[in-house]
Amino acid sequence: MDFNDEGIVFSTADSTSKVAMRFRMQNQVVVNSKDEDITNIASTETAIRRLRLRFGGTLFDPRLFFNLQLSFTRGDLDFADTQFPNTIRDAVAGWAFSPNLQVSFGQTKLPGNRQRVISSADLLYFERSIVNSAFTLDRDFGLFANYRLWLGDMPIWFKGAVSTGDGRNQGRIVGDGIAWTGRVEVLPFGNFTNGGDYFEGDLMRENTPKLSIAVSANSNNRHTRSRGTLGPLLYAQRSSTTIYADALLKYSGLALYGEWATRSCADPITKSTDGTKTQSVFVGNGYMGQATYLLPFDLELGARFAFVHPDDVMRGLPEGFNETTISGMAVYHIKGHRIKLMSEVIHDHQQNLASLAAVDFWTIRLGMELGI
């Protein structure tokens, strides 16, 4: 047994089997204002936002890998939409044919937008942006493959998945729906240091500019939930297409990231049997941009802008409003992303598409992340 940057590691003498155990928790205080006046407090919440336990490694052969992740807090269980405690986040096993080709089977994140695929442990903000909330592909059960092609010193990743399209831990689904997902990532200046394209902030202080440009596409056929793999159940199955594009630049402590997303559906609105209730596939588009800078004494500062615009077909529905958020954050890294103190201030503006009425409010978050 060993304790290192991988966590608590158990391994056989010949290292053919190796299991790393990691845990993390994120505690926070959240204060929401009633309106534009930041001092007019509507609610205060103290919460364990995330509590995760993770096991990963190889078994009997270094090419046979697995990843298991469990969650235990209310915000992680997806109970409101699934009506059961959704404890299992990842349960996937795979085979590494080479450093450039891996195939896996089980439940894990689809190859969608970069901010979603980045672990929440490696974020600088408490939550991902509202664009991610509206359009993310999230987790699903299926077959996954990653292939890396080298053009000189430039790696190009091709990532794909064939999955159920209905999200994690689903039971039997009526019909023959299936989801197809593909992603291409181009790194024109070579690999980021220590996999820096998949954690937020330039903690490695890249000596030369590093860039990753990516596009993801998902065709989800006959899915049962309003956002494909997430959201409330629809009254009838629908098919939708989601497209993401994102780009990341890091250099000398500066990290710039942006993404754009859109979802389309031929007939997004579903109705209950008696016609009195509706539930819709969320269709529209959104974009976000954020910039962060790591100061020499491990204090990181950043700002984010995000905007989500539903299509006109959503006018008059509960989801039918434009939303804009502007936020600033400060994070003090005690030990990288594993132990850090976090703070964030968010201004949220929402405008109803039908009435054009608008509301504004503030959210303040303070907390800490601790894990191995």
Protein backbone atom coordinates (compact mmCIF):
# COMPACT_ATOMS: atom_id res chain seq x y z
CA MET A 1 0.00 0.00 0.00
CA ASP A 2 1.19 3.50 -0.81
CA PHE A 3 -0.16 7.04 -0.43
CA ASN A 4 0.74 9.37 -3.28
CA ASP A 5 -0.80 11.76 -5.84
CA GLU A 6 -2.99 8.91 -7.15
CA GLY A 7 -4.58 8.44 -3.70
CA ILE A 8 -4.30 5.41 -1.43
CA VAL A 9 -2.85 2.76 -3.75
CA PHE A 10 -3.03 -1.00 -3.26
CA SER A 11 -0.96 -3.09 -5.67
CA THR A 12 0.35 -6.61 -6.16
CA ALA A 13 4.07 -7.29 -6.05
CA ASP A 14 4.29 -7.42 -9.85
CA SER A 15 2.01 -4.35 -10.25
CA THR A 16 -0.32 -6.17 -12.65
CA SER A 17 -3.19 -5.29 -10.32
CA LYS A 18 -3.35 -1.81 -8.86
CA VAL A 19 -6.29 -0.12 -7.18
CA ALA A 20 -6.25 3.56 -6.19
CA MET A 21 -8.84 4.81 -3.70
CA ARG A 22 -9.71 8.50 -3.55
CA PHE A 23 -12.27 10.57 -1.72
CA ARG A 24 -13.30 14.21 -1.78
CA MET A 25 -15.76 16.55 -0.19
CA GLN A 26 -16.88 20.07 -1.02
CA ASN A 27 -18.52 22.09 1.74
CA GLN A 28 -20.08 25.45 1.00
CA VAL A 29 -22.28 28.29 2.19
CA VAL A 30 -24.63 29.81 -0.41
CA VAL A 31 -26.45 33.14 -0.03
CA ASN A 32 -29.11 34.22 -2.57
CA SER A 33 -30.61 37.70 -2.87
CA LYS A 34 -34.31 38.33 -3.62
CA ASP A 35 -33.61 40.91 -6.29
CA GLU A 36 -31.00 43.28 -7.64
CA ASP A 37 -30.18 44.46 -4.11
CA ILE A 38 -27.39 42.13 -2.97
CA THR A 39 -28.16 42.89 0.68
CA ASN A 40 -31.82 41.79 0.37
CA ILE A 41 -31.32 38.16 1.36
CA ALA A 42 -33.82 35.57 0.12
CA SER A 43 -32.16 32.41 1.40
CA THR A 44 -29.02 31.00 2.97
CA GLU A 45 -27.92 27.41 2.53
CA THR A 46 -25.14 25.45 4.20
CA ALA A 47 -24.46 22.21 2.41
CA ILE A 48 -22.09 19.38 1.66
CA ARG A 49 -22.35 19.97 -2.07
CA ARG A 50 -20.30 16.94 -3.10
CA LEU A 51 -19.08 13.87 -1.27
CA ARG A 52 -17.50 11.29 -3.56
CA LEU A 53 -15.66 7.98 -3.24
CA ARG A 54 -13.70 6.70 -6.20
CA PHE A 55 -11.78 3.53 -7.06
CA GLY A 56 -9.74 3.10 -10.22
CA GLY A 57 -6.83 1.13 -11.57
CA THR A 58 -5.94 -2.10 -13.37
CA LEU A 59 -6.76 -5.74 -12.64
CA PHE A 60 -4.58 -8.79 -13.50
CA ASP A 61 -3.24 -7.09 -16.62
CA PRO A 62 -2.07 -3.46 -16.90
CA ARG A 63 -4.20 -3.13 -20.05
CA LEU A 64 -7.45 -3.98 -18.21
CA PHE A 65 -8.57 -0.77 -16.46
CA PHE A 66 -11.65 0.25 -14.52
CA ASN A 67 -13.22 3.28 -12.84
CA LEU A 68 -15.88 3.25 -10.12
CA GLN A 69 -17.29 6.43 -8.54
CA LEU A 70 -20.05 6.79 -5.94
CA SER A 71 -21.80 9.93 -4.68
CA PHE A 72 -23.63 10.48 -1.40
CA THR A 73 -25.08 14.00 -1.18
CA ARG A 74 -28.57 15.25 -2.04
CA GLY A 75 -27.30 17.43 -4.89
CA ASP A 76 -25.55 14.46 -6.50
CA LEU A 77 -28.35 11.88 -6.32
CA ASP A 78 -30.64 13.23 -9.09
CA PHE A 79 -33.57 12.11 -6.92
CA ALA A 80 -36.06 14.79 -8.03
CA ASP A 81 -35.94 13.61 -11.66
CA THR A 82 -35.37 9.86 -11.26
CA GLN A 83 -37.37 9.20 -8.06
CA PHE A 84 -34.59 7.01 -6.65
CA PRO A 85 -31.22 7.74 -5.01
CA ASN A 86 -28.81 7.75 -7.96
CA THR A 87 -25.63 6.77 -6.11
CA ILE A 88 -23.59 5.26 -8.94
CA ARG A 89 -21.88 7.88 -11.10
CA ASP A 90 -19.24 5.81 -12.91
CA ALA A 91 -18.93 2.06 -13.35
CA VAL A 92 -16.83 1.34 -16.42
CA ALA A 93 -14.15 -1.16 -17.46
CA GLY A 94 -11.97 -1.08 -20.54
CA TRP A 95 -8.96 -2.36 -22.43
CA ALA A 96 -5.99 -0.22 -23.44
CA PHE A 97 -4.84 -1.68 -26.74
CA SER A 98 -2.07 0.94 -26.83
CA PRO A 99 -1.37 4.44 -25.46
CA ASN A 100 -3.29 5.69 -28.51
CA LEU A 101 -6.36 3.41 -28.39
CA GLN A 102 -8.68 2.55 -25.49
CA VAL A 103 -12.12 0.92 -25.56
CA SER A 104 -14.43 0.72 -22.54
CA PHE A 105 -17.90 -0.49 -21.61
CA GLY A 106 -20.21 0.65 -18.82
CA GLN A 107 -21.44 3.94 -17.39
CA THR A 108 -19.37 7.11 -17.54
CA LYS A 109 -19.29 10.60 -19.07
CA LEU A 110 -20.06 10.96 -22.75
CA PRO A 111 -17.41 12.78 -24.83
CA GLY A 112 -19.27 16.08 -24.74
CA ASN A 113 -18.26 19.60 -23.71
CA ARG A 114 -14.87 19.93 -22.04
CA GLN A 115 -16.19 21.64 -18.91
CA ARG A 116 -18.49 18.68 -18.20
CA VAL A 117 -15.83 16.06 -18.84
CA ILE A 118 -13.44 17.85 -16.46
CA SER A 119 -13.97 16.45 -12.96
CA SER A 120 -15.81 18.79 -10.61
CA ALA A 121 -12.79 18.37 -8.31
CA ASP A 122 -10.70 20.18 -10.92
CA LEU A 123 -13.03 23.15 -11.44
CA LEU A 124 -12.27 26.68 -10.23
CA TYR A 125 -15.92 27.69 -9.93
CA PHE A 126 -18.29 25.85 -7.61
CA GLU A 127 -20.56 24.91 -10.50
CA ARG A 128 -20.26 24.60 -14.25
CA SER A 129 -21.88 27.33 -16.32
CA ILE A 130 -25.57 27.66 -17.21
CA VAL A 131 -24.63 26.58 -20.76
CA ASN A 132 -23.48 23.26 -19.35
CA SER A 133 -26.68 22.98 -17.29
CA ALA A 134 -28.84 23.45 -20.38
CA PHE A 135 -26.96 21.40 -22.98
CA THR A 136 -24.48 19.00 -21.36
CA LEU A 137 -24.48 15.37 -22.49
CA ASP A 138 -23.50 14.12 -19.00
CA ARG A 139 -23.20 10.41 -18.19
CA ASP A 140 -24.70 7.44 -19.99
CA PHE A 141 -24.34 3.66 -20.33
CA GLY A 142 -22.73 2.29 -23.44
CA LEU A 143 -19.61 1.49 -25.42
CA PHE A 144 -16.82 4.10 -25.55
CA ALA A 145 -13.65 4.43 -27.63
CA ASN A 146 -10.74 6.91 -27.72
CA TYR A 147 -8.13 7.04 -30.48
CA ARG A 148 -5.17 9.42 -30.77
CA LEU A 149 -3.62 10.24 -34.13
CA TRP A 150 -0.25 11.99 -34.35
CA LEU A 151 0.55 14.45 -37.12
CA GLY A 152 4.17 15.17 -36.30
CA ASP A 153 4.11 16.60 -32.77
CA MET A 154 0.40 17.46 -32.97
CA PRO A 155 -2.03 15.00 -31.34
CA ILE A 156 -5.60 14.69 -32.58
CA TRP A 157 -8.07 12.81 -30.40
CA PHE A 158 -11.11 11.03 -31.83
CA LYS A 159 -13.61 10.03 -29.14
CA GLY A 160 -16.90 8.25 -29.64
CA ALA A 161 -19.73 6.49 -27.82
CA VAL A 162 -22.81 4.42 -28.58
CA SER A 163 -25.13 4.62 -25.57
CA THR A 164 -28.71 4.38 -24.31
CA GLY A 165 -29.27 8.15 -24.43
CA ASP A 166 -31.36 8.18 -21.23
CA GLY A 167 -28.73 8.84 -18.56
CA ARG A 168 -27.26 6.94 -15.69
CA ASN A 169 -28.81 3.97 -13.88
CA GLN A 170 -31.92 3.73 -16.05
CA GLY A 171 -34.19 0.70 -16.07
CA ARG A 172 -35.87 -0.81 -19.11
CA ILE A 173 -36.77 1.84 -21.69
CA VAL A 174 -39.69 1.31 -24.07
CA GLY A 175 -38.65 1.55 -27.71
CA ASP A 176 -35.43 1.23 -29.65
CA GLY A 177 -33.75 4.57 -29.02
CA ILE A 178 -29.98 4.89 -29.02
CA ALA A 179 -27.51 7.79 -28.84
CA TRP A 180 -24.45 8.38 -31.00
CA THR A 181 -21.75 10.76 -29.78
CA GLY A 182 -18.51 11.86 -31.38
CA ARG A 183 -15.81 14.34 -30.45
CA VAL A 184 -12.62 15.57 -32.15
CA GLU A 185 -9.89 17.46 -30.27
CA VAL A 186 -6.94 19.12 -32.01
CA LEU A 187 -3.90 20.27 -30.00
CA PRO A 188 -1.85 22.27 -32.53
CA PHE A 189 0.99 23.10 -30.12
CA GLY A 190 1.31 19.64 -28.59
CA ASN A 191 0.16 18.14 -25.32
CA PHE A 192 -0.53 20.24 -22.24
CA THR A 193 1.73 19.63 -19.23
CA ASN A 194 0.39 16.86 -16.96
CA GLY A 195 -2.91 16.68 -18.84
CA GLY A 196 -3.63 20.36 -18.27
CA ASP A 197 -6.31 20.45 -20.97
CA TYR A 198 -8.58 18.59 -18.54
CA PHE A 199 -8.30 20.67 -15.38
CA GLU A 200 -9.20 24.34 -14.97
CA GLY A 201 -6.57 26.99 -14.42
CA ASP A 202 -2.96 26.98 -15.61
CA LEU A 203 -1.52 25.37 -12.48
CA MET A 204 1.47 24.12 -14.49
CA ARG A 205 2.28 27.66 -15.72
CA GLU A 206 2.86 26.49 -19.31
CA ASN A 207 6.21 27.74 -20.65
CA THR A 208 4.84 27.95 -24.19
CA PRO A 209 1.24 28.57 -25.36
CA LYS A 210 -0.90 25.42 -25.40
CA LEU A 211 -4.19 25.25 -27.31
CA SER A 212 -6.97 22.70 -27.69
CA ILE A 213 -9.87 23.13 -30.12
CA ALA A 214 -12.73 20.63 -30.09
CA VAL A 215 -16.16 19.84 -31.53
CA SER A 216 -18.70 17.35 -30.13
CA ALA A 217 -21.94 16.11 -31.69
CA ASN A 218 -24.67 13.94 -30.20
CA SER A 219 -27.69 12.38 -31.93
CA ASN A 220 -30.06 11.08 -29.24
CA ASN A 221 -32.94 9.04 -30.64
CA ARG A 222 -36.19 8.45 -28.75
CA HIS A 223 -34.87 9.70 -25.42
CA THR A 224 -37.12 10.01 -22.37
CA ARG A 225 -35.77 13.07 -20.55
CA SER A 226 -35.99 16.80 -21.27
CA ARG A 227 -32.25 17.30 -21.71
CA GLY A 228 -31.48 13.91 -23.21
CA THR A 229 -29.58 12.16 -20.42
CA LEU A 230 -30.78 14.60 -17.74
CA GLY A 231 -33.93 16.44 -16.66
CA PRO A 232 -37.54 15.50 -15.89
CA LEU A 233 -39.26 12.70 -17.80
CA LEU A 234 -41.05 13.62 -21.02
CA TYR A 235 -44.65 12.52 -21.65
CA ALA A 236 -43.51 10.98 -24.94
CA GLN A 237 -40.14 10.02 -26.39
CA ARG A 238 -38.35 12.52 -28.61
CA SER A 239 -35.20 12.67 -30.75
CA SER A 240 -32.77 15.57 -30.59
CA THR A 241 -29.34 16.69 -31.78
CA THR A 242 -26.81 18.55 -29.64
CA ILE A 243 -23.63 20.19 -30.95
CA TYR A 244 -20.81 21.64 -28.85
CA ALA A 245 -17.67 23.55 -29.80
CA ASP A 246 -15.03 24.60 -27.26
CA ALA A 247 -11.52 25.99 -27.14
CA LEU A 248 -8.89 26.26 -24.38
CA LEU A 249 -5.67 28.31 -24.28
CA LYS A 250 -3.12 28.21 -21.44
CA TYR A 251 0.12 30.12 -21.07
CA SER A 252 2.20 31.34 -18.13
CA GLY A 253 -0.59 31.17 -15.53
CA LEU A 254 -3.33 32.49 -17.85
CA ALA A 255 -6.18 30.22 -18.94
CA LEU A 256 -8.84 31.25 -21.47
CA TYR A 257 -11.80 28.99 -22.19
CA GLY A 258 -14.94 29.32 -24.29
CA GLU A 259 -17.73 27.09 -25.51
CA TRP A 260 -20.85 27.25 -27.69
CA ALA A 261 -23.75 24.81 -27.70
CA THR A 262 -27.05 24.21 -29.49
CA ARG A 263 -29.81 21.60 -29.29
CA SER A 264 -32.54 21.03 -31.89
CA CYS A 265 -35.64 18.83 -31.93
CA ALA A 266 -38.37 18.60 -34.58
CA ASP A 267 -41.22 18.47 -32.03
CA PRO A 268 -39.86 19.40 -28.57
CA ILE A 269 -43.15 19.78 -26.63
CA THR A 270 -44.82 16.71 -25.10
CA LYS A 271 -48.19 16.70 -23.33
CA SER A 272 -49.80 14.57 -20.66
CA THR A 273 -52.60 12.18 -21.62
CA ASP A 274 -55.29 14.67 -20.58
CA GLY A 275 -53.46 17.55 -22.29
CA THR A 276 -53.25 19.67 -19.13
CA LYS A 277 -49.48 19.38 -18.55
CA THR A 278 -46.44 19.80 -20.78
CA GLN A 279 -42.79 18.76 -20.59
CA SER A 280 -40.38 19.86 -23.30
CA VAL A 281 -37.02 19.03 -24.73
CA PHE A 282 -34.89 22.10 -24.05
CA VAL A 283 -33.97 23.54 -27.46
CA GLY A 284 -31.95 26.67 -28.14
CA ASN A 285 -28.35 27.79 -27.96
CA GLY A 286 -25.84 29.21 -25.51
CA TYR A 287 -22.27 30.35 -25.15
CA MET A 288 -19.83 31.12 -22.37
CA GLY A 289 -16.34 32.46 -21.88
CA GLN A 290 -14.09 32.55 -18.85
CA ALA A 291 -10.62 33.79 -18.03
CA THR A 292 -8.47 32.92 -15.01
CA TYR A 293 -4.99 33.92 -13.88
CA LEU A 294 -2.80 32.22 -11.29
CA LEU A 295 -0.81 34.69 -9.21
CA PRO A 296 2.69 33.69 -8.00
CA PHE A 297 1.46 32.92 -4.46
CA ASP A 298 -1.17 30.33 -5.60
CA LEU A 299 -4.12 32.70 -5.52
CA GLU A 300 -6.21 32.39 -8.68
CA LEU A 301 -8.65 35.04 -9.90
CA GLY A 302 -11.19 34.71 -12.68
CA ALA A 303 -14.32 35.97 -14.40
CA ARG A 304 -17.03 34.23 -16.45
CA PHE A 305 -19.82 35.31 -18.79
CA ALA A 306 -22.54 32.87 -19.92
CA PHE A 307 -25.75 33.25 -21.93
CA VAL A 308 -28.56 30.77 -22.76
CA HIS A 309 -31.29 31.56 -25.30
CA PRO A 310 -34.19 29.09 -25.83
CA ASP A 311 -35.81 28.81 -29.25
CA ASP A 312 -39.09 30.69 -29.81
CA VAL A 313 -41.03 27.42 -29.54
CA MET A 314 -40.30 27.59 -25.79
CA ARG A 315 -42.13 30.93 -25.49
CA GLY A 316 -44.72 30.79 -22.71
CA LEU A 317 -43.29 27.57 -21.21
CA PRO A 318 -41.58 27.43 -17.79
CA GLU A 319 -38.19 27.11 -19.55
CA GLY A 320 -38.95 30.02 -21.89
CA PHE A 321 -36.57 32.72 -20.68
CA ASN A 322 -33.21 34.13 -21.67
CA GLU A 323 -30.61 33.83 -18.93
CA THR A 324 -27.32 35.69 -18.52
CA THR A 325 -24.82 35.21 -15.72
CA ILE A 326 -21.68 37.19 -14.90
CA SER A 327 -19.47 35.86 -12.13
CA GLY A 328 -16.13 36.46 -10.47
CA MET A 329 -14.16 34.00 -8.40
CA ALA A 330 -11.08 33.74 -6.19
CA VAL A 331 -9.46 30.43 -5.25
CA TYR A 332 -6.51 29.85 -2.96
CA HIS A 333 -4.73 26.60 -3.80
CA ILE A 334 -3.33 24.98 -0.66
CA LYS A 335 -2.44 21.82 -2.61
CA GLY A 336 -3.42 22.24 -6.23
CA HIS A 337 -7.02 21.24 -6.86
CA ARG A 338 -7.01 18.68 -4.04
CA ILE A 339 -7.18 21.21 -1.18
CA LYS A 340 -8.41 24.73 -1.91
CA LEU A 341 -10.45 27.59 -0.49
CA MET A 342 -13.08 28.91 -2.90
CA SER A 343 -15.27 31.99 -3.30
CA GLU A 344 -17.60 33.19 -6.03
CA VAL A 345 -20.04 36.06 -6.67
CA ILE A 346 -22.67 35.65 -9.43
CA HIS A 347 -25.13 38.09 -10.98
CA ASP A 348 -28.05 36.38 -12.74
CA HIS A 349 -30.41 38.11 -15.20
CA GLN A 350 -33.49 36.29 -16.53
CA GLN A 351 -35.97 37.64 -19.10
CA ASN A 352 -39.25 35.92 -19.95
CA LEU A 353 -39.60 35.39 -23.73
CA ALA A 354 -43.37 35.94 -23.68
CA SER A 355 -43.86 38.89 -21.31
CA LEU A 356 -40.33 40.37 -21.53
CA ALA A 357 -40.47 40.75 -17.73
CA ALA A 358 -37.01 40.48 -16.17
CA VAL A 359 -35.63 39.49 -12.78
CA ASP A 360 -32.13 40.00 -11.41
CA PHE A 361 -30.53 38.45 -8.36
CA TRP A 362 -27.17 37.68 -6.78
CA THR A 363 -25.59 34.49 -5.45
CA ILE A 364 -22.55 34.37 -3.16
CA ARG A 365 -20.73 31.10 -2.53
CA LEU A 366 -17.97 30.41 -0.02
CA GLY A 367 -16.45 27.02 0.65
CA MET A 368 -13.60 24.57 0.51
CA GLU A 369 -12.58 21.46 -1.36
CA LEU A 370 -10.63 18.70 0.37
CA GLY A 371 -9.64 15.36 -1.06
CA ILE A 372 -6.91 12.99 -2.13
